[in-house]
């Protein structure tokens, strides 16, 4: 599908989640997202692991809202947060960074006529998306290197393990800055920014099936809101 359709459906799904009124709507939203992930062959383990930081926030919201307005209110709020994170992970898994960059650049193109650096903003977002897995790889490499030197990540007291994890930060950021320098040099050598209207190798067009999927997706999102 066109990247603009994926972004539009993600936004519509996110807005619909905030208007879901009861457990039936939340369950239908979860089933819809599960169906999309299964259709796109996105592994459930990948989605669940990717949302790990959100579990702390969802747990806090669950307890807080349950104490203030009852358990059902807590479940609805926590469920909304988790589904928001899950849907974002699914969309990223179904798209490439280049595709999302192109889509965002096209969606924000009208702002370029006002003098805003739309292309640079889209490129920065693409680089940020690309650096997420790079950061995980760099962290794993640094941890493996320090483990081989006797760092205690899984043994000893809490203070000892905290010091071991804190020792990862300096080499991690040094490695990331080194990668960023190489990326900047590569972009300069390819004359990034020299052309005001650069061409693209894969010029995507909005097709009939993109419009059909967009309308069907919007209708389903409206249906989520109407459920009791």
Protein backbone atom coordinates (compact mmCIF):
# COMPACT_ATOMS: atom_id res chain seq x y z
CA UNK A 1 0.00 0.00 0.00
CA UNK A 2 0.93 3.63 -0.38
CA UNK A 3 2.75 4.91 2.70
CA UNK A 4 0.32 7.82 2.95
CA UNK A 5 -2.55 5.35 3.37
CA UNK A 6 -0.76 3.59 6.22
CA UNK A 7 -0.08 6.86 8.03
CA UNK A 8 -3.65 8.05 7.53
CA UNK A 9 -5.10 4.78 8.83
CA UNK A 10 -2.77 4.84 11.83
CA UNK A 11 -3.97 8.35 12.67
CA UNK A 12 -7.62 7.35 12.21
CA UNK A 13 -7.15 4.25 14.38
CA UNK A 14 -5.41 6.31 17.09
CA UNK A 15 -8.21 8.88 17.14
CA UNK A 16 -10.84 6.12 17.24
CA UNK A 17 -9.19 4.58 20.30
CA UNK A 18 -9.72 7.78 22.28
CA UNK A 19 -13.45 7.66 21.46
CA UNK A 20 -13.94 3.97 22.30
CA UNK A 21 -16.51 3.91 25.10
CA UNK A 22 -16.57 0.36 26.40
CA UNK A 23 -14.92 -3.06 26.49
CA UNK A 24 -16.69 -4.17 23.29
CA UNK A 25 -15.11 -1.36 21.29
CA UNK A 26 -11.69 -2.00 22.85
CA UNK A 27 -11.92 -5.72 22.07
CA UNK A 28 -12.97 -4.97 18.48
CA UNK A 29 -10.02 -2.58 18.11
CA UNK A 30 -7.66 -5.28 19.37
CA UNK A 31 -9.14 -7.83 16.94
CA UNK A 32 -8.82 -5.38 14.04
CA UNK A 33 -5.16 -4.72 14.81
CA UNK A 34 -4.52 -8.45 15.21
CA UNK A 35 -6.08 -9.11 11.80
CA UNK A 36 -3.94 -6.43 10.17
CA UNK A 37 -0.78 -7.82 11.77
CA UNK A 38 -1.67 -11.36 10.72
CA UNK A 39 -2.43 -10.22 7.16
CA UNK A 40 0.94 -8.45 7.01
CA UNK A 41 2.70 -11.45 8.62
CA UNK A 42 4.02 -9.40 11.52
CA UNK A 43 5.24 -11.65 14.33
CA UNK A 44 3.36 -11.17 17.59
CA UNK A 45 6.60 -11.58 19.56
CA UNK A 46 8.15 -8.65 17.69
CA UNK A 47 5.21 -6.39 18.57
CA UNK A 48 5.10 -7.48 22.22
CA UNK A 49 8.85 -7.01 22.72
CA UNK A 50 8.86 -3.66 20.95
CA UNK A 51 6.22 -2.30 23.32
CA UNK A 52 8.13 -3.28 26.48
CA UNK A 53 8.68 0.32 27.74
CA UNK A 54 4.94 1.02 27.43
CA UNK A 55 4.03 -1.72 29.93
CA UNK A 56 5.26 0.39 32.86
CA UNK A 57 3.16 3.36 31.75
CA UNK A 58 0.11 1.16 31.10
CA UNK A 59 0.46 -0.48 34.52
CA UNK A 60 0.62 2.87 36.27
CA UNK A 61 -2.44 4.16 34.37
CA UNK A 62 -4.32 0.95 35.16
CA UNK A 63 -3.78 1.26 38.91
CA UNK A 64 -4.31 5.02 39.02
CA UNK A 65 -7.55 5.03 37.04
CA UNK A 66 -8.82 1.91 38.80
CA UNK A 67 -8.39 3.65 42.16
CA UNK A 68 -10.04 6.83 40.88
CA UNK A 69 -12.93 5.50 38.76
CA UNK A 70 -13.00 1.72 38.96
CA UNK A 71 -11.25 -1.19 37.30
CA UNK A 72 -13.14 -0.90 34.03
CA UNK A 73 -11.94 2.68 33.56
CA UNK A 74 -8.38 1.56 34.30
CA UNK A 75 -8.57 -1.28 31.79
CA UNK A 76 -9.91 1.05 29.09
CA UNK A 77 -7.15 3.63 29.59
CA UNK A 78 -4.34 1.06 29.77
CA UNK A 79 -5.77 -0.80 26.77
CA UNK A 80 -5.84 2.39 24.71
CA UNK A 81 -2.20 3.11 25.47
CA UNK A 82 -1.05 -0.41 24.60
CA UNK A 83 -3.05 -0.52 21.37
CA UNK A 84 -1.61 2.86 20.35
CA UNK A 85 1.91 1.53 20.81
CA UNK A 86 1.11 -1.82 19.17
CA UNK A 87 -0.43 -0.14 16.11
CA UNK A 88 2.62 2.09 15.66
CA UNK A 89 4.93 -0.93 15.82
CA UNK A 90 2.79 -2.82 13.30
CA UNK A 91 2.86 0.10 10.86
CA UNK A 92 6.65 0.42 11.12
CA UNK A 93 7.01 -3.35 10.63
CA UNK A 94 4.89 -3.16 7.47
CA UNK A 95 6.84 -0.24 6.00
CA UNK A 96 10.40 0.69 5.16
CA UNK A 97 12.05 3.85 6.45
CA UNK A 98 12.37 5.11 2.88
CA UNK A 99 8.67 4.56 2.24
CA UNK A 100 7.64 6.42 5.39
CA UNK A 101 10.02 9.27 4.62
CA UNK A 102 8.55 9.67 1.14
CA UNK A 103 4.99 9.51 2.48
CA UNK A 104 5.63 12.11 5.20
CA UNK A 105 7.38 14.35 2.69
CA UNK A 106 4.38 14.17 0.36
CA UNK A 107 1.87 14.76 3.15
CA UNK A 108 3.78 17.81 4.37
CA UNK A 109 4.51 19.13 0.87
CA UNK A 110 1.96 22.00 1.16
CA UNK A 111 3.96 23.37 4.11
CA UNK A 112 7.03 23.56 1.87
CA UNK A 113 5.35 26.36 -0.06
CA UNK A 114 5.43 28.38 3.15
CA UNK A 115 9.20 28.05 3.32
CA UNK A 116 9.33 25.25 5.89
CA UNK A 117 12.14 22.65 5.43
CA UNK A 118 9.82 19.71 4.81
CA UNK A 119 12.42 17.57 3.07
CA UNK A 120 14.96 18.03 5.85
CA UNK A 121 12.36 17.19 8.51
CA UNK A 122 11.33 14.02 6.67
CA UNK A 123 14.96 13.00 6.26
CA UNK A 124 15.62 13.56 9.98
CA UNK A 125 12.63 11.35 10.85
CA UNK A 126 13.87 8.64 8.49
CA UNK A 127 17.32 8.70 10.09
CA UNK A 128 15.75 8.49 13.56
CA UNK A 129 13.74 5.42 12.51
CA UNK A 130 16.85 3.80 11.05
CA UNK A 131 18.85 4.44 14.23
CA UNK A 132 16.38 2.59 16.48
CA UNK A 133 17.58 -0.91 15.45
CA UNK A 134 21.15 0.41 15.12
CA UNK A 135 21.04 1.53 18.76
CA UNK A 136 19.83 -1.90 19.86
CA UNK A 137 22.63 -3.59 17.90
CA UNK A 138 25.25 -1.22 19.32
CA UNK A 139 24.00 -1.82 22.87
CA UNK A 140 24.13 -5.59 22.40
CA UNK A 141 27.68 -5.38 21.03
CA UNK A 142 28.92 -3.18 23.90
CA UNK A 143 27.24 -5.40 26.48
CA UNK A 144 28.80 -8.53 24.97
CA UNK A 145 32.23 -6.87 25.00
CA UNK A 146 31.92 -5.80 28.64
CA UNK A 147 30.50 -9.18 29.68
CA UNK A 148 33.62 -10.82 28.24
CA UNK A 149 35.64 -8.48 30.48
CA UNK A 150 33.77 -9.55 33.62
CA UNK A 151 31.00 -6.94 33.89
CA UNK A 152 28.26 -8.13 36.28
CA UNK A 153 24.98 -7.53 34.48
CA UNK A 154 23.14 -10.54 35.89
CA UNK A 155 24.92 -11.22 39.18
CA UNK A 156 25.77 -9.37 42.37
CA UNK A 157 23.70 -6.81 44.22
CA UNK A 158 21.44 -4.18 42.74
CA UNK A 159 24.10 -1.49 43.10
CA UNK A 160 26.73 -3.57 41.33
CA UNK A 161 24.41 -4.37 38.45
CA UNK A 162 23.33 -0.71 38.18
CA UNK A 163 26.98 0.36 37.92
CA UNK A 164 27.57 -2.26 35.23
CA UNK A 165 24.62 -1.00 33.17
CA UNK A 166 25.68 2.63 33.69
CA UNK A 167 29.08 1.71 32.26
CA UNK A 168 27.41 0.93 28.93
CA UNK A 169 26.32 4.51 28.27
CA UNK A 170 29.66 6.12 27.35
CA UNK A 171 30.80 3.49 24.80
CA UNK A 172 27.23 3.28 23.46
CA UNK A 173 27.05 7.01 22.69
CA UNK A 174 30.61 7.07 21.36
CA UNK A 175 29.67 4.32 18.89
CA UNK A 176 26.47 6.11 17.87
CA UNK A 177 28.31 9.41 17.32
CA UNK A 178 30.87 7.56 15.21
CA UNK A 179 28.07 6.13 13.06
CA UNK A 180 26.47 9.58 12.78
CA UNK A 181 29.77 11.09 11.56
CA UNK A 182 30.06 8.40 8.88
CA UNK A 183 26.46 8.99 7.83
CA UNK A 184 27.03 12.76 7.55
CA UNK A 185 30.16 12.20 5.44
CA UNK A 186 28.26 9.80 3.17
CA UNK A 187 25.43 12.32 2.70
CA UNK A 188 27.91 15.10 1.89
CA UNK A 189 29.71 12.92 -0.65
CA UNK A 190 26.36 12.30 -2.38
CA UNK A 191 25.59 16.06 -2.51
CA UNK A 192 22.58 15.90 -0.21
CA UNK A 193 20.67 19.17 -0.43
CA UNK A 194 22.29 20.32 -3.67
CA UNK A 195 19.01 20.02 -5.59
CA UNK A 196 15.86 21.85 -4.58
CA UNK A 197 13.64 19.22 -6.25
CA UNK A 198 15.43 15.85 -6.12
CA UNK A 199 14.14 12.88 -8.07
CA UNK A 200 13.37 9.48 -6.60
CA UNK A 201 14.09 6.00 -7.90
CA UNK A 202 10.68 4.66 -6.86
CA UNK A 203 8.02 7.22 -7.74
CA UNK A 204 4.89 5.85 -6.08
CA UNK A 205 1.43 6.78 -7.24
CA UNK A 206 -1.86 6.70 -5.39
CA UNK A 207 -3.80 3.82 -6.96
CA UNK A 208 -7.40 2.68 -6.87
CA UNK A 209 -6.74 -0.09 -4.36
CA UNK A 210 -5.05 2.42 -2.06
CA UNK A 211 -8.22 4.51 -2.08
CA UNK A 212 -10.40 1.46 -1.50
CA UNK A 213 -8.34 0.30 1.48
CA UNK A 214 -8.31 3.83 2.90
CA UNK A 215 -12.11 4.11 2.72
CA UNK A 216 -12.61 0.63 4.19
CA UNK A 217 -10.17 1.37 7.01
CA UNK A 218 -11.84 4.67 7.84
CA UNK A 219 -15.23 2.95 7.89
CA UNK A 220 -13.93 0.33 10.33
CA UNK A 221 -12.51 3.03 12.58
CA UNK A 222 -15.87 4.80 12.60
CA UNK A 223 -17.47 1.46 13.45
CA UNK A 224 -15.19 1.13 16.50
CA UNK A 225 -16.42 4.47 17.80
CA UNK A 226 -20.07 3.51 17.37
CA UNK A 227 -19.78 0.28 19.38
CA UNK A 228 -21.19 0.49 22.93
